[in-house]
Amino acid sequence: IFTSFNISSITDAGTGAYRVNLTNGHPNNQYCCLATGTGAQSSGGGATLDSTAFGGNGSNYPNSSSSYQIRTVNGSGSTQDMQWVNSATWRED
């Protein structure tokens, strides 16, 4: 974490799976998240928000009031760790 701005920690939940934990949680899970990445050291790929169960199946809401998940993939769509992942959240009351 280089500039935390309300990020308390990041959990490595497996290859290409990261849980971003917030210092001060939002009032609910209705807030906006953004994630970008380096392309997983290949010519393609990227970072995206993911469901709380990971895997991208959309079986549950992608974030809770205190954390959200990011999944990173290579150009073939396989999970792969990235050297850099950038993320931001915001909520307007």
Protein backbone atom coordinates (compact mmCIF):
# COMPACT_ATOMS: atom_id res chain seq x y z
CA ILE A 1 0.00 0.00 0.00
CA PHE A 2 1.66 3.20 -1.15
CA THR A 3 -1.08 5.72 -0.34
CA SER A 4 -3.76 4.20 1.84
CA PHE A 5 -6.62 6.74 1.92
CA ASN A 6 -8.86 4.56 4.11
CA ILE A 7 -7.25 1.19 3.24
CA SER A 8 -6.28 -0.67 6.41
CA SER A 9 -4.83 -3.76 4.71
CA ILE A 10 -4.91 -5.95 1.62
CA THR A 11 -5.40 -9.70 1.96
CA ASP A 12 -3.82 -12.02 -0.61
CA ALA A 13 -6.66 -14.51 -1.12
CA GLY A 14 -4.84 -16.62 -3.72
CA THR A 15 -3.38 -16.18 -7.19
CA GLY A 16 -4.91 -13.06 -8.71
CA ALA A 17 -7.32 -12.57 -5.78
CA TYR A 18 -7.08 -9.63 -3.40
CA ARG A 19 -9.40 -8.43 -0.63
CA VAL A 20 -9.10 -4.70 0.13
CA ASN A 21 -10.05 -3.93 3.74
CA LEU A 22 -11.27 -0.44 4.62
CA THR A 23 -10.16 1.46 7.74
CA ASN A 24 -13.53 3.19 8.10
CA GLY A 25 -16.32 1.15 6.58
CA HIS A 26 -19.08 2.69 4.47
CA PRO A 27 -22.64 2.86 5.89
CA ASN A 28 -23.64 0.02 3.52
CA ASN A 29 -22.34 -1.85 0.46
CA GLN A 30 -23.71 0.69 -2.03
CA TYR A 31 -20.51 2.52 -3.05
CA CYS A 32 -18.46 2.76 -6.21
CA CYS A 33 -15.17 0.89 -6.74
CA LEU A 34 -12.58 1.12 -9.48
CA ALA A 35 -9.66 -1.25 -10.18
CA THR A 36 -6.93 -1.23 -12.82
CA GLY A 37 -3.78 -3.32 -13.23
CA THR A 38 -0.61 -3.84 -15.25
CA GLY A 39 -1.86 -6.51 -17.65
CA ALA A 40 -0.40 -9.35 -15.61
CA GLN A 41 3.07 -9.02 -17.18
CA SER A 42 1.68 -9.88 -20.62
CA SER A 43 0.17 -8.07 -23.57
CA GLY A 44 -3.36 -8.47 -22.21
CA GLY A 45 -5.30 -9.00 -19.05
CA GLY A 46 -6.42 -6.66 -16.36
CA ALA A 47 -7.97 -6.11 -12.96
CA THR A 48 -11.66 -6.15 -12.14
CA LEU A 49 -13.90 -6.14 -9.09
CA ASP A 50 -15.07 -9.58 -8.11
CA SER A 51 -17.76 -11.26 -6.01
CA THR A 52 -17.03 -11.91 -2.35
CA ALA A 53 -16.61 -15.61 -3.23
CA PHE A 54 -14.14 -14.76 -6.05
CA GLY A 55 -14.32 -16.47 -9.42
CA GLY A 56 -16.35 -13.78 -11.17
CA ASN A 57 -19.61 -15.72 -11.14
CA GLY A 58 -21.59 -12.83 -9.68
CA SER A 59 -23.22 -15.09 -7.09
CA ASN A 60 -23.12 -12.36 -4.47
CA TYR A 61 -22.57 -8.63 -4.18
CA PRO A 62 -18.96 -7.63 -4.94
CA ASN A 63 -18.35 -5.68 -1.77
CA SER A 64 -19.35 -5.39 1.85
CA SER A 65 -19.42 -2.18 3.89
CA SER A 66 -15.86 -2.87 5.08
CA SER A 67 -14.10 -4.59 2.14
CA TYR A 68 -14.16 -5.37 -1.57
CA GLN A 69 -12.47 -7.93 -3.82
CA ILE A 70 -10.26 -7.52 -6.88
CA ARG A 71 -9.43 -10.31 -9.36
CA THR A 72 -6.53 -10.01 -11.81
CA VAL A 73 -6.20 -12.08 -14.98
CA ASN A 74 -3.78 -12.49 -17.88
CA GLY A 75 -4.71 -12.13 -21.57
CA SER A 76 -6.11 -15.68 -21.61
CA GLY A 77 -8.45 -14.97 -18.70
CA SER A 78 -6.52 -17.10 -16.19
CA THR A 79 -5.92 -15.61 -12.76
CA GLN A 80 -2.45 -14.19 -12.37
CA ASP A 81 -0.83 -11.92 -9.80
CA MET A 82 0.07 -8.42 -10.96
CA GLN A 83 2.98 -6.24 -9.94
CA TRP A 84 0.76 -3.14 -9.70
CA VAL A 85 -2.94 -2.82 -8.97
CA ASN A 86 -4.58 0.58 -8.54
CA SER A 87 -7.90 0.93 -6.77
CA ALA A 88 -10.27 3.62 -5.47
CA THR A 89 -13.67 3.76 -3.81
CA TRP A 90 -16.06 6.61 -3.22
CA ARG A 91 -19.52 7.23 -1.92
CA GLU A 92 -21.67 10.33 -2.02
CA ASP A 93 -24.05 10.75 0.88
